[in-house]
Amino acid sequence: MNVNLIKTKKDYNQALERLEVIFDAKKGTKEGDELKLLGILIEQYENENFYIDLPDPIEAIKFRMEQLGYTQNDLAKIVGFKSRASEILNRKRKLTLDMIRQLHESLNIPTDILIQSY
């Protein structure tokens, strides 16, 4: 077993290639241990180099509404008024703390997404 730290893009690509070769290794074997270590190192490299920003709050609301088959009227029931729902979706009204709580509870959107500026 020869596992090294992943410091460069080249190291990363080599680790991914090796991971493919030993992907089905059994737990408790040399290759199984190597697989586990490679997985940890690859994850660490990806977290440090391929950071993904949180989605835009309004886009997250629209996406979740689409997933649930919700209309603007359904959103109005959550935030209070149809005009308020329209203003939110058109970025003319900022989300209040109370709206964030309601959207989190009703649409199950994480609050860390909803509290971002947009």
PDB file of N, CA and C in Angstrom:
ATOM      1  N   MET A   1       0.862  -1.170   0.000  1.00  0.00           N
ATOM      2  CA  MET A   1       0.000   0.000   0.000  1.00  0.00           C
ATOM      3  C   MET A   1       0.907   1.232   0.000  1.00  0.00           C
ATOM      4  N   ASN A   2       0.684   2.091  -0.981  1.00  0.00           N
ATOM      5  CA  ASN A   2       1.508   3.287  -1.124  1.00  0.00           C
ATOM      6  C   ASN A   2       0.578   4.486  -1.336  1.00  0.00           C
ATOM      7  N   VAL A   3       0.060   5.034  -0.242  1.00  0.00           N
ATOM      8  CA  VAL A   3      -0.865   6.166  -0.308  1.00  0.00           C
ATOM      9  C   VAL A   3      -0.119   7.423   0.112  1.00  0.00           C
ATOM     10  N   ASN A   4      -0.206   8.449  -0.753  1.00  0.00           N
ATOM     11  CA  ASN A   4       0.462   9.721  -0.472  1.00  0.00           C
ATOM     12  C   ASN A   4      -0.574  10.835  -0.375  1.00  0.00           C
ATOM     13  N   LEU A   5      -0.157  11.936   0.255  1.00  0.00           N
ATOM     14  CA  LEU A   5      -1.027  13.104   0.310  1.00  0.00           C
ATOM     15  C   LEU A   5      -1.308  13.598  -1.106  1.00  0.00           C
ATOM     16  N   ILE A   6      -2.484  14.168  -1.295  1.00  0.00           N
ATOM     17  CA  ILE A   6      -2.854  14.708  -2.597  1.00  0.00           C
ATOM     18  C   ILE A   6      -2.624  16.211  -2.528  1.00  0.00           C
ATOM     19  N   LYS A   7      -1.603  16.669  -3.270  1.00  0.00           N
ATOM     20  CA  LYS A   7      -1.219  18.078  -3.218  1.00  0.00           C
ATOM     21  C   LYS A   7      -1.487  18.814  -4.522  1.00  0.00           C
ATOM     22  N   THR A   8      -1.531  18.087  -5.619  1.00  0.00           N
ATOM     23  CA  THR A   8      -1.692  18.732  -6.928  1.00  0.00           C
ATOM     24  C   THR A   8      -2.834  18.082  -7.702  1.00  0.00           C
ATOM     25  N   LYS A   9      -3.202  18.720  -8.775  1.00  0.00           N
ATOM     26  CA  LYS A   9      -4.238  18.177  -9.660  1.00  0.00           C
ATOM     27  C   LYS A   9      -3.789  16.816 -10.219  1.00  0.00           C
ATOM     28  N   LYS A  10      -2.492  16.707 -10.517  1.00  0.00           N
ATOM     29  CA  LYS A  10      -1.941  15.443 -11.024  1.00  0.00           C
ATOM     30  C   LYS A  10      -2.090  14.348  -9.965  1.00  0.00           C
ATOM     31  N   ASP A  11      -1.740  14.654  -8.708  1.00  0.00           N
ATOM     32  CA  ASP A  11      -1.899  13.691  -7.607  1.00  0.00           C
ATOM     33  C   ASP A  11      -3.365  13.263  -7.493  1.00  0.00           C
ATOM     34  N   TYR A  12      -4.252  14.246  -7.611  1.00  0.00           N
ATOM     35  CA  TYR A  12      -5.697  13.995  -7.499  1.00  0.00           C
ATOM     36  C   TYR A  12      -6.154  13.033  -8.587  1.00  0.00           C
ATOM     37  N   ASN A  13      -5.742  13.288  -9.820  1.00  0.00           N
ATOM     38  CA  ASN A  13      -6.147  12.418 -10.930  1.00  0.00           C
ATOM     39  C   ASN A  13      -5.584  11.006 -10.776  1.00  0.00           C
ATOM     40  N   GLN A  14      -4.368  10.904 -10.291  1.00  0.00           N
ATOM     41  CA  GLN A  14      -3.779   9.583 -10.060  1.00  0.00           C
ATOM     42  C   GLN A  14      -4.533   8.846  -8.954  1.00  0.00           C
ATOM     43  N   ALA A  15      -4.933   9.569  -7.920  1.00  0.00           N
ATOM     44  CA  ALA A  15      -5.686   8.957  -6.826  1.00  0.00           C
ATOM     45  C   ALA A  15      -7.033   8.450  -7.327  1.00  0.00           C
ATOM     46  N   LEU A  16      -7.693   9.238  -8.180  1.00  0.00           N
ATOM     47  CA  LEU A  16      -8.979   8.808  -8.744  1.00  0.00           C
ATOM     48  C   LEU A  16      -8.818   7.556  -9.601  1.00  0.00           C
ATOM     49  N   GLU A  17      -7.738   7.501 -10.381  1.00  0.00           N
ATOM     50  CA  GLU A  17      -7.471   6.321 -11.212  1.00  0.00           C
ATOM     51  C   GLU A  17      -7.255   5.084 -10.336  1.00  0.00           C
ATOM     52  N   ARG A  18      -6.488   5.245  -9.275  1.00  0.00           N
ATOM     53  CA  ARG A  18      -6.220   4.122  -8.364  1.00  0.00           C
ATOM     54  C   ARG A  18      -7.493   3.692  -7.658  1.00  0.00           C
ATOM     55  N   LEU A  19      -8.300   4.678  -7.277  1.00  0.00           N
ATOM     56  CA  LEU A  19      -9.571   4.386  -6.612  1.00  0.00           C
ATOM     57  C   LEU A  19     -10.452   3.499  -7.494  1.00  0.00           C
ATOM     58  N   GLU A  20     -10.469   3.785  -8.797  1.00  0.00           N
ATOM     59  CA  GLU A  20     -11.261   2.967  -9.722  1.00  0.00           C
ATOM     60  C   GLU A  20     -10.773   1.521  -9.745  1.00  0.00           C
ATOM     61  N   VAL A  21      -9.464   1.352  -9.685  1.00  0.00           N
ATOM     62  CA  VAL A  21      -8.873   0.009  -9.745  1.00  0.00           C
ATOM     63  C   VAL A  21      -9.242  -0.813  -8.513  1.00  0.00           C
ATOM     64  N   ILE A  22      -9.226  -0.190  -7.336  1.00  0.00           N
ATOM     65  CA  ILE A  22      -9.444  -0.942  -6.080  1.00  0.00           C
ATOM     66  C   ILE A  22     -10.840  -0.715  -5.501  1.00  0.00           C
ATOM     67  N   PHE A  23     -11.739  -0.161  -6.282  1.00  0.00           N
ATOM     68  CA  PHE A  23     -13.059   0.233  -5.792  1.00  0.00           C
ATOM     69  C   PHE A  23     -13.824  -0.898  -5.101  1.00  0.00           C
ATOM     70  N   ASP A  24     -13.685  -2.119  -5.568  1.00  0.00           N
ATOM     71  CA  ASP A  24     -14.434  -3.247  -5.004  1.00  0.00           C
ATOM     72  C   ASP A  24     -13.640  -4.035  -3.966  1.00  0.00           C
ATOM     73  N   ALA A  25     -12.596  -3.438  -3.439  1.00  0.00           N
ATOM     74  CA  ALA A  25     -11.766  -4.130  -2.447  1.00  0.00           C
ATOM     75  C   ALA A  25     -12.581  -4.434  -1.187  1.00  0.00           C
ATOM     76  N   LYS A  26     -12.287  -5.571  -0.588  1.00  0.00           N
ATOM     77  CA  LYS A  26     -13.008  -6.002   0.616  1.00  0.00           C
ATOM     78  C   LYS A  26     -12.418  -5.346   1.859  1.00  0.00           C
ATOM     79  N   LYS A  27     -13.310  -5.036   2.817  1.00  0.00           N
ATOM     80  CA  LYS A  27     -12.890  -4.461   4.096  1.00  0.00           C
ATOM     81  C   LYS A  27     -11.909  -5.404   4.787  1.00  0.00           C
ATOM     82  N   GLY A  28     -10.937  -4.810   5.475  1.00  0.00           N
ATOM     83  CA  GLY A  28     -10.000  -5.610   6.243  1.00  0.00           C
ATOM     84  C   GLY A  28      -8.825  -6.128   5.440  1.00  0.00           C
ATOM     85  N   THR A  29      -8.846  -5.920   4.125  1.00  0.00           N
ATOM     86  CA  THR A  29      -7.709  -6.323   3.298  1.00  0.00           C
ATOM     87  C   THR A  29      -6.794  -5.114   3.107  1.00  0.00           C
ATOM     88  N   LYS A  30      -5.590  -5.372   2.575  1.00  0.00           N
ATOM     89  CA  LYS A  30      -4.659  -4.278   2.296  1.00  0.00           C
ATOM     90  C   LYS A  30      -5.291  -3.258   1.342  1.00  0.00           C
ATOM     91  N   GLU A  31      -5.895  -3.776   0.287  1.00  0.00           N
ATOM     92  CA  GLU A  31      -6.529  -2.884  -0.688  1.00  0.00           C
ATOM     93  C   GLU A  31      -7.750  -2.191  -0.081  1.00  0.00           C
ATOM     94  N   GLY A  32      -8.449  -2.861   0.809  1.00  0.00           N
ATOM     95  CA  GLY A  32      -9.588  -2.248   1.491  1.00  0.00           C
ATOM     96  C   GLY A  32      -9.153  -1.069   2.341  1.00  0.00           C
ATOM     97  N   ASP A  33      -8.022  -1.233   3.041  1.00  0.00           N
ATOM     98  CA  ASP A  33      -7.469  -0.135   3.842  1.00  0.00           C
ATOM     99  C   ASP A  33      -7.018   1.016   2.936  1.00  0.00           C
ATOM    100  N   GLU A  34      -6.391   0.662   1.830  1.00  0.00           N
ATOM    101  CA  GLU A  34      -5.937   1.676   0.877  1.00  0.00           C
ATOM    102  C   GLU A  34      -7.139   2.447   0.314  1.00  0.00           C
ATOM    103  N   LEU A  35      -8.201   1.735   0.017  1.00  0.00           N
ATOM    104  CA  LEU A  35      -9.423   2.348  -0.504  1.00  0.00           C
ATOM    105  C   LEU A  35      -9.978   3.373   0.483  1.00  0.00           C
ATOM    106  N   LYS A  36     -10.008   2.989   1.745  1.00  0.00           N
ATOM    107  CA  LYS A  36     -10.525   3.891   2.775  1.00  0.00           C
ATOM    108  C   LYS A  36      -9.659   5.150   2.883  1.00  0.00           C
ATOM    109  N   LEU A  37      -8.357   4.977   2.928  1.00  0.00           N
ATOM    110  CA  LEU A  37      -7.442   6.124   3.013  1.00  0.00           C
ATOM    111  C   LEU A  37      -7.545   7.016   1.778  1.00  0.00           C
ATOM    112  N   LEU A  38      -7.594   6.408   0.610  1.00  0.00           N
ATOM    113  CA  LEU A  38      -7.721   7.193  -0.613  1.00  0.00           C
ATOM    114  C   LEU A  38      -9.012   8.012  -0.602  1.00  0.00           C
ATOM    115  N   GLY A  39     -10.083   7.391  -0.154  1.00  0.00           N
ATOM    116  CA  GLY A  39     -11.362   8.089  -0.078  1.00  0.00           C
ATOM    117  C   GLY A  39     -11.285   9.321   0.808  1.00  0.00           C
ATOM    118  N   ILE A  40     -10.628   9.181   1.948  1.00  0.00           N
ATOM    119  CA  ILE A  40     -10.466  10.305   2.880  1.00  0.00           C
ATOM    120  C   ILE A  40      -9.631  11.408   2.237  1.00  0.00           C
ATOM    121  N   LEU A  41      -8.527  11.024   1.618  1.00  0.00           N
ATOM    122  CA  LEU A  41      -7.639  12.009   1.001  1.00  0.00           C
ATOM    123  C   LEU A  41      -8.304  12.724  -0.181  1.00  0.00           C
ATOM    124  N   ILE A  42      -9.032  11.984  -0.978  1.00  0.00           N
ATOM    125  CA  ILE A  42      -9.738  12.579  -2.123  1.00  0.00           C
ATOM    126  C   ILE A  42     -10.806  13.551  -1.630  1.00  0.00           C
ATOM    127  N   GLU A  43     -11.553  13.149  -0.618  1.00  0.00           N
ATOM    128  CA  GLU A  43     -12.587  14.025  -0.066  1.00  0.00           C
ATOM    129  C   GLU A  43     -11.966  15.309   0.480  1.00  0.00           C
ATOM    130  N   GLN A  44     -10.862  15.190   1.191  1.00  0.00           N
ATOM    131  CA  GLN A  44     -10.192  16.364   1.747  1.00  0.00           C
ATOM    132  C   GLN A  44      -9.727  17.296   0.626  1.00  0.00           C
ATOM    133  N   TYR A  45      -9.136  16.740  -0.410  1.00  0.00           N
ATOM    134  CA  TYR A  45      -8.657  17.551  -1.538  1.00  0.00           C
ATOM    135  C   TYR A  45      -9.825  18.260  -2.215  1.00  0.00           C
ATOM    136  N   GLU A  46     -10.926  17.542  -2.435  1.00  0.00           N
ATOM    137  CA  GLU A  46     -12.093  18.137  -3.082  1.00  0.00           C
ATOM    138  C   GLU A  46     -12.704  19.241  -2.233  1.00  0.00           C
ATOM    139  N   ASN A  47     -12.785  19.029  -0.926  1.00  0.00           N
ATOM    140  CA  ASN A  47     -13.339  20.057  -0.043  1.00  0.00           C
ATOM    141  C   ASN A  47     -12.486  21.329  -0.050  1.00  0.00           C
ATOM    142  N   GLU A  48     -11.186  21.168  -0.175  1.00  0.00           N
ATOM    143  CA  GLU A  48     -10.290  22.322  -0.169  1.00  0.00           C
ATOM    144  C   GLU A  48     -10.212  23.017  -1.526  1.00  0.00           C
ATOM    145  N   ASN A  49     -10.442  22.276  -2.606  1.00  0.00           N
ATOM    146  CA  ASN A  49     -10.211  22.830  -3.936  1.00  0.00           C
ATOM    147  C   ASN A  49     -11.452  22.992  -4.806  1.00  0.00           C
ATOM    148  N   PHE A  50     -12.528  22.372  -4.438  1.00  0.00           N
ATOM    149  CA  PHE A  50     -13.738  22.444  -5.254  1.00  0.00           C
ATOM    150  C   PHE A  50     -14.915  22.905  -4.420  1.00  0.00           C
ATOM    151  N   TYR A  51     -14.726  23.991  -3.681  1.00  0.00           N
ATOM    152  CA  TYR A  51     -15.771  24.506  -2.807  1.00  0.00           C
ATOM    153  C   TYR A  51     -16.989  24.918  -3.642  1.00  0.00           C
ATOM    154  N   ILE A  52     -18.170  24.539  -3.178  1.00  0.00           N
ATOM    155  CA  ILE A  52     -19.411  24.874  -3.858  1.00  0.00           C
ATOM    156  C   ILE A  52     -20.183  25.847  -2.981  1.00  0.00           C
ATOM    157  N   ASP A  53     -20.495  27.019  -3.547  1.00  0.00           N
ATOM    158  CA  ASP A  53     -21.276  28.008  -2.814  1.00  0.00           C
ATOM    159  C   ASP A  53     -22.701  27.509  -2.587  1.00  0.00           C
ATOM    160  N   LEU A  54     -23.319  28.060  -1.566  1.00  0.00           N
ATOM    161  CA  LEU A  54     -24.726  27.765  -1.323  1.00  0.00           C
ATOM    162  C   LEU A  54     -25.553  28.361  -2.445  1.00  0.00           C
ATOM    163  N   PRO A  55     -26.682  27.752  -2.776  1.00  0.00           N
ATOM    164  CA  PRO A  55     -27.525  28.300  -3.837  1.00  0.00           C
ATOM    165  C   PRO A  55     -28.158  29.628  -3.430  1.00  0.00           C
ATOM    166  N   ASP A  56     -28.537  30.409  -4.410  1.00  0.00           N
ATOM    167  CA  ASP A  56     -29.234  31.660  -4.196  1.00  0.00           C
ATOM    168  C   ASP A  56     -30.564  31.372  -3.479  1.00  0.00           C
ATOM    169  N   PRO A  57     -30.924  32.157  -2.468  1.00  0.00           N
ATOM    170  CA  PRO A  57     -32.143  31.877  -1.694  1.00  0.00           C
ATOM    171  C   PRO A  57     -33.422  31.850  -2.543  1.00  0.00           C
ATOM    172  N   ILE A  58     -33.557  32.812  -3.442  1.00  0.00           N
ATOM    173  CA  ILE A  58     -34.777  32.875  -4.260  1.00  0.00           C
ATOM    174  C   ILE A  58     -34.824  31.701  -5.226  1.00  0.00           C
ATOM    175  N   GLU A  59     -33.684  31.367  -5.809  1.00  0.00           N
ATOM    176  CA  GLU A  59     -33.637  30.203  -6.707  1.00  0.00           C
ATOM    177  C   GLU A  59     -33.938  28.918  -5.941  1.00  0.00           C
ATOM    178  N   ALA A  60     -33.490  28.844  -4.689  1.00  0.00           N
ATOM    179  CA  ALA A  60     -33.784  27.673  -3.857  1.00  0.00           C
ATOM    180  C   ALA A  60     -35.285  27.569  -3.592  1.00  0.00           C
ATOM    181  N   ILE A  61     -35.929  28.711  -3.331  1.00  0.00           N
ATOM    182  CA  ILE A  61     -37.386  28.713  -3.105  1.00  0.00           C
ATOM    183  C   ILE A  61     -38.096  28.254  -4.372  1.00  0.00           C
ATOM    184  N   LYS A  62     -37.707  28.817  -5.515  1.00  0.00           N
ATOM    185  CA  LYS A  62     -38.339  28.453  -6.793  1.00  0.00           C
ATOM    186  C   LYS A  62     -38.146  26.961  -7.093  1.00  0.00           C
ATOM    187  N   PHE A  63     -36.932  26.474  -6.858  1.00  0.00           N
ATOM    188  CA  PHE A  63     -36.625  25.064  -7.118  1.00  0.00           C
ATOM    189  C   PHE A  63     -37.480  24.156  -6.237  1.00  0.00           C
ATOM    190  N   ARG A  64     -37.557  24.484  -4.952  1.00  0.00           N
ATOM    191  CA  ARG A  64     -38.335  23.662  -4.017  1.00  0.00           C
ATOM    192  C   ARG A  64     -39.816  23.709  -4.362  1.00  0.00           C
ATOM    193  N   MET A  65     -40.301  24.901  -4.761  1.00  0.00           N
ATOM    194  CA  MET A  65     -41.703  25.013  -5.171  1.00  0.00           C
ATOM    195  C   MET A  65     -41.973  24.113  -6.374  1.00  0.00           C
ATOM    196  N   GLU A  66     -41.041  24.115  -7.324  1.00  0.00           N
ATOM    197  CA  GLU A  66     -41.191  23.273  -8.515  1.00  0.00           C
ATOM    198  C   GLU A  66     -41.209  21.787  -8.126  1.00  0.00           C
ATOM    199  N   GLN A  67     -40.306  21.409  -7.221  1.00  0.00           N
ATOM    200  CA  GLN A  67     -40.262  20.017  -6.765  1.00  0.00           C
ATOM    201  C   GLN A  67     -41.584  19.583  -6.147  1.00  0.00           C
ATOM    202  N   LEU A  68     -42.185  20.490  -5.373  1.00  0.00           N
ATOM    203  CA  LEU A  68     -43.421  20.164  -4.656  1.00  0.00           C
ATOM    204  C   LEU A  68     -44.676  20.430  -5.482  1.00  0.00           C
ATOM    205  N   GLY A  69     -44.503  21.006  -6.677  1.00  0.00           N
ATOM    206  CA  GLY A  69     -45.654  21.346  -7.509  1.00  0.00           C
ATOM    207  C   GLY A  69     -46.426  22.540  -6.953  1.00  0.00           C
ATOM    208  N   TYR A  70     -45.751  23.406  -6.208  1.00  0.00           N
ATOM    209  CA  TYR A  70     -46.385  24.576  -5.596  1.00  0.00           C
ATOM    210  C   TYR A  70     -46.492  25.713  -6.602  1.00  0.00           C
ATOM    211  N   THR A  71     -47.527  26.512  -6.435  1.00  0.00           N
ATOM    212  CA  THR A  71     -47.718  27.711  -7.241  1.00  0.00           C
ATOM    213  C   THR A  71     -47.417  28.931  -6.375  1.00  0.00           C
ATOM    214  N   GLN A  72     -47.523  30.090  -6.995  1.00  0.00           N
ATOM    215  CA  GLN A  72     -47.335  31.334  -6.243  1.00  0.00           C
ATOM    216  C   GLN A  72     -48.402  31.466  -5.164  1.00  0.00           C
ATOM    217  N   ASN A  73     -49.602  30.930  -5.427  1.00  0.00           N
ATOM    218  CA  ASN A  73     -50.666  30.950  -4.413  1.00  0.00           C
ATOM    219  C   ASN A  73     -50.282  30.121  -3.195  1.00  0.00           C
ATOM    220  N   ASP A  74     -49.619  29.001  -3.418  1.00  0.00           N
ATOM    221  CA  ASP A  74     -49.161  28.167  -2.297  1.00  0.00           C
ATOM    222  C   ASP A  74     -48.107  28.905  -1.481  1.00  0.00           C
ATOM    223  N   LEU A  75     -47.221  29.625  -2.181  1.00  0.00           N
ATOM    224  CA  LEU A  75     -46.207  30.404  -1.487  1.00  0.00           C
ATOM    225  C   LEU A  75     -46.871  31.531  -0.688  1.00  0.00           C
ATOM    226  N   ALA A  76     -47.920  32.125  -1.257  1.00  0.00           N
ATOM    227  CA  ALA A  76     -48.639  33.198  -0.563  1.00  0.00           C
ATOM    228  C   ALA A  76     -49.223  32.707   0.757  1.00  0.00           C
ATOM    229  N   LYS A  77     -49.669  31.469   0.794  1.00  0.00           N
ATOM    230  CA  LYS A  77     -50.209  30.909   2.041  1.00  0.00           C
ATOM    231  C   LYS A  77     -49.116  30.799   3.111  1.00  0.00           C
ATOM    232  N   ILE A  78     -47.878  30.638   2.673  1.00  0.00           N
ATOM    233  CA  ILE A  78     -46.759  30.512   3.610  1.00  0.00           C
ATOM    234  C   ILE A  78     -46.314  31.883   4.109  1.00  0.00           C
ATOM    235  N   VAL A  79     -46.196  32.857   3.190  1.00  0.00           N
ATOM    236  CA  VAL A  79     -45.638  34.165   3.563  1.00  0.00           C
ATOM    237  C   VAL A  79     -46.695  35.223   3.858  1.00  0.00           C
ATOM    238  N   GLY A  80     -47.958  34.908   3.642  1.00  0.00           N
ATOM    239  CA  GLY A  80     -49.015  35.835   4.050  1.00  0.00           C
ATOM    240  C   GLY A  80     -49.891  36.380   2.957  1.00  0.00           C
ATOM    241  N   PHE A  81     -49.320  36.953   1.917  1.00  0.00           N
ATOM    242  CA  PHE A  81     -50.120  37.588   0.870  1.00  0.00           C
ATOM    243  C   PHE A  81     -49.581  37.219  -0.499  1.00  0.00           C
ATOM    244  N   LYS A  82     -50.480  37.217  -1.505  1.00  0.00           N
ATOM    245  CA  LYS A  82     -50.073  36.910  -2.870  1.00  0.00           C
ATOM    246  C   LYS A  82     -49.091  37.967  -3.382  1.00  0.00           C
ATOM    247  N   SER A  83     -49.355  39.232  -3.048  1.00  0.00           N
ATOM    248  CA  SER A  83     -48.465  40.307  -3.498  1.00  0.00           C
ATOM    249  C   SER A  83     -47.069  40.146  -2.888  1.00  0.00           C
ATOM    250  N   ARG A  84     -47.014  39.711  -1.637  1.00  0.00           N
ATOM    251  CA  ARG A  84     -45.728  39.497  -0.963  1.00  0.00           C
ATOM    252  C   ARG A  84     -44.964  38.356  -1.637  1.00  0.00           C
ATOM    253  N   ALA A  85     -45.674  37.289  -1.987  1.00  0.00           N
ATOM    254  CA  ALA A  85     -45.036  36.160  -2.674  1.00  0.00           C
ATOM    255  C   ALA A  85     -44.453  36.615  -4.006  1.00  0.00           C
ATOM    256  N   SER A  86     -45.209  37.418  -4.732  1.00  0.00           N
ATOM    257  CA  SER A  86     -44.735  37.944  -6.013  1.00  0.00           C
ATOM    258  C   SER A  86     -43.501  38.815  -5.828  1.00  0.00           C
ATOM    259  N   GLU A  87     -43.528  39.677  -4.833  1.00  0.00           N
ATOM    260  CA  GLU A  87     -42.385  40.555  -4.570  1.00  0.00           C
ATOM    261  C   GLU A  87     -41.143  39.752  -4.198  1.00  0.00           C
ATOM    262  N   ILE A  88     -41.318  38.696  -3.431  1.00  0.00           N
ATOM    263  CA  ILE A  88     -40.185  37.841  -3.049  1.00  0.00           C
ATOM    264  C   ILE A  88     -39.596  37.173  -4.288  1.00  0.00           C
ATOM    265  N   LEU A  89     -40.452  36.548  -5.084  1.00  0.00           N
ATOM    266  CA  LEU A  89     -39.978  35.821  -6.263  1.00  0.00           C
ATOM    267  C   LEU A  89     -39.340  36.746  -7.297  1.00  0.00           C
ATOM    268  N   ASN A  90     -39.764  38.007  -7.317  1.00  0.00           N
ATOM    269  CA  ASN A  90     -39.199  38.988  -8.252  1.00  0.00           C
ATOM    270  C   ASN A  90     -38.091  39.826  -7.624  1.00  0.00           C
ATOM    271  N   ARG A  91     -37.665  39.422  -6.421  1.00  0.00           N
ATOM    272  CA  ARG A  91     -36.555  40.061  -5.713  1.00  0.00           C
ATOM    273  C   ARG A  91     -36.817  41.528  -5.363  1.00  0.00           C
ATOM    274  N   LYS A  92     -38.067  41.867  -5.172  1.00  0.00           N
ATOM    275  CA  LYS A  92     -38.423  43.236  -4.790  1.00  0.00           C
ATOM    276  C   LYS A  92     -38.633  43.369  -3.291  1.00  0.00           C
ATOM    277  N   ARG A  93     -38.669  42.234  -2.587  1.00  0.00           N
ATOM    278  CA  ARG A  93     -38.842  42.248  -1.135  1.00  0.00           C
ATOM    279  C   ARG A  93     -37.844  41.276  -0.525  1.00  0.00           C
ATOM    280  N   LYS A  94     -37.156  41.745   0.494  1.00  0.00           N
ATOM    281  CA  LYS A  94     -36.215  40.893   1.228  1.00  0.00           C
ATOM    282  C   LYS A  94     -36.988  39.957   2.153  1.00  0.00           C
ATOM    283  N   LEU A  95     -36.399  38.813   2.419  1.00  0.00           N
ATOM    284  CA  LEU A  95     -37.009  37.869   3.354  1.00  0.00           C
ATOM    285  C   LEU A  95     -36.816  38.371   4.781  1.00  0.00           C
ATOM    286  N   THR A  96     -37.872  38.351   5.558  1.00  0.00           N
ATOM    287  CA  THR A  96     -37.762  38.698   6.972  1.00  0.00           C
ATOM    288  C   THR A  96     -37.417  37.434   7.758  1.00  0.00           C
ATOM    289  N   LEU A  97     -37.027  37.604   8.987  1.00  0.00           N
ATOM    290  CA  LEU A  97     -36.713  36.458   9.842  1.00  0.00           C
ATOM    291  C   LEU A  97     -37.921  35.536   9.972  1.00  0.00           C
ATOM    292  N   ASP A  98     -39.103  36.123  10.119  1.00  0.00           N
ATOM    293  CA  ASP A  98     -40.324  35.331  10.231  1.00  0.00           C
ATOM    294  C   ASP A  98     -40.586  34.542   8.949  1.00  0.00           C
ATOM    295  N   MET A  99     -40.374  35.177   7.786  1.00  0.00           N
ATOM    296  CA  MET A  99     -40.558  34.476   6.502  1.00  0.00           C
ATOM    297  C   MET A  99     -39.569  33.329   6.370  1.00  0.00           C
ATOM    298  N   ILE A 100     -38.328  33.580   6.791  1.00  0.00           N
ATOM    299  CA  ILE A 100     -37.296  32.536   6.716  1.00  0.00           C
ATOM    300  C   ILE A 100     -37.721  31.333   7.549  1.00  0.00           C
ATOM    301  N   ARG A 101     -38.221  31.586   8.731  1.00  0.00           N
ATOM    302  CA  ARG A 101     -38.694  30.481   9.582  1.00  0.00           C
ATOM    303  C   ARG A 101     -39.844  29.724   8.911  1.00  0.00           C
ATOM    304  N   GLN A 102     -40.802  30.468   8.366  1.00  0.00           N
ATOM    305  CA  GLN A 102     -41.959  29.843   7.724  1.00  0.00           C
ATOM    306  C   GLN A 102     -41.540  29.022   6.501  1.00  0.00           C
ATOM    307  N   LEU A 103     -40.642  29.588   5.691  1.00  0.00           N
ATOM    308  CA  LEU A 103     -40.173  28.877   4.504  1.00  0.00           C
ATOM    309  C   LEU A 103     -39.389  27.632   4.892  1.00  0.00           C
ATOM    310  N   HIS A 104     -38.589  27.754   5.919  1.00  0.00           N
ATOM    311  CA  HIS A 104     -37.829  26.594   6.400  1.00  0.00           C
ATOM    312  C   HIS A 104     -38.772  25.477   6.854  1.00  0.00           C
ATOM    313  N   GLU A 105     -39.770  25.838   7.641  1.00  0.00           N
ATOM    314  CA  GLU A 105     -40.712  24.841   8.157  1.00  0.00           C
ATOM    315  C   GLU A 105     -41.600  24.263   7.068  1.00  0.00           C
ATOM    316  N   SER A 106     -42.080  25.100   6.164  1.00  0.00           N
ATOM    317  CA  SER A 106     -43.033  24.653   5.145  1.00  0.00           C
ATOM    318  C   SER A 106     -42.383  23.979   3.941  1.00  0.00           C
ATOM    319  N   LEU A 107     -41.243  24.513   3.515  1.00  0.00           N
ATOM    320  CA  LEU A 107     -40.597  23.989   2.306  1.00  0.00           C
ATOM    321  C   LEU A 107     -39.356  23.168   2.612  1.00  0.00           C
ATOM    322  N   ASN A 108     -38.974  23.131   3.894  1.00  0.00           N
ATOM    323  CA  ASN A 108     -37.800  22.372   4.328  1.00  0.00           C
ATOM    324  C   ASN A 108     -36.524  22.822   3.613  1.00  0.00           C
ATOM    325  N   ILE A 109     -36.393  24.147   3.451  1.00  0.00           N
ATOM    326  CA  ILE A 109     -35.172  24.720   2.887  1.00  0.00           C
ATOM    327  C   ILE A 109     -34.270  25.096   4.067  1.00  0.00           C
ATOM    328  N   PRO A 110     -33.016  24.668   4.050  1.00  0.00           N
ATOM    329  CA  PRO A 110     -32.130  25.001   5.172  1.00  0.00           C
ATOM    330  C   PRO A 110     -32.030  26.515   5.400  1.00  0.00           C
ATOM    331  N   THR A 111     -32.042  26.916   6.645  1.00  0.00           N
ATOM    332  CA  THR A 111     -32.008  28.344   6.973  1.00  0.00           C
ATOM    333  C   THR A 111     -30.715  29.007   6.504  1.00  0.00           C
ATOM    334  N   ASP A 112     -29.595  28.269   6.476  1.00  0.00           N
ATOM    335  CA  ASP A 112     -28.347  28.889   6.032  1.00  0.00           C
ATOM    336  C   ASP A 112     -28.408  29.322   4.568  1.00  0.00           C
ATOM    337  N   ILE A 113     -29.278  28.704   3.788  1.00  0.00           N
ATOM    338  CA  ILE A 113     -29.497  29.133   2.408  1.00  0.00           C
ATOM    339  C   ILE A 113     -30.372  30.381   2.379  1.00  0.00           C
ATOM    340  N   LEU A 114     -31.429  30.377   3.179  1.00  0.00           N
ATOM    341  CA  LEU A 114     -32.405  31.470   3.164  1.00  0.00           C
ATOM    342  C   LEU A 114     -31.876  32.779   3.738  1.00  0.00           C
ATOM    343  N   ILE A 115     -30.905  32.735   4.631  1.00  0.00           N
ATOM    344  CA  ILE A 115     -30.447  33.967   5.269  1.00  0.00           C
ATOM    345  C   ILE A 115     -29.402  34.730   4.440  1.00  0.00           C
ATOM    346  N   GLN A 116     -28.966  34.161   3.347  1.00  0.00           N
ATOM    347  CA  GLN A 116     -27.961  34.833   2.507  1.00  0.00           C
ATOM    348  C   GLN A 116     -28.522  36.081   1.857  1.00  0.00           C
ATOM    349  N   SER A 117     -27.647  37.000   1.530  1.00  0.00           N
ATOM    350  CA  SER A 117     -28.046  38.181   0.753  1.00  0.00           C
ATOM    351  C   SER A 117     -28.275  37.775  -0.698  1.00  0.00           C
ATOM    352  N   TYR A 118     -29.147  38.493  -1.333  1.00  0.00           N
ATOM    353  CA  TYR A 118     -29.361  38.254  -2.775  1.00  0.00           C
ATOM    354  C   TYR A 118     -29.592  39.534  -3.492  1.00  0.00           C
TER     355      TYR A 118
END
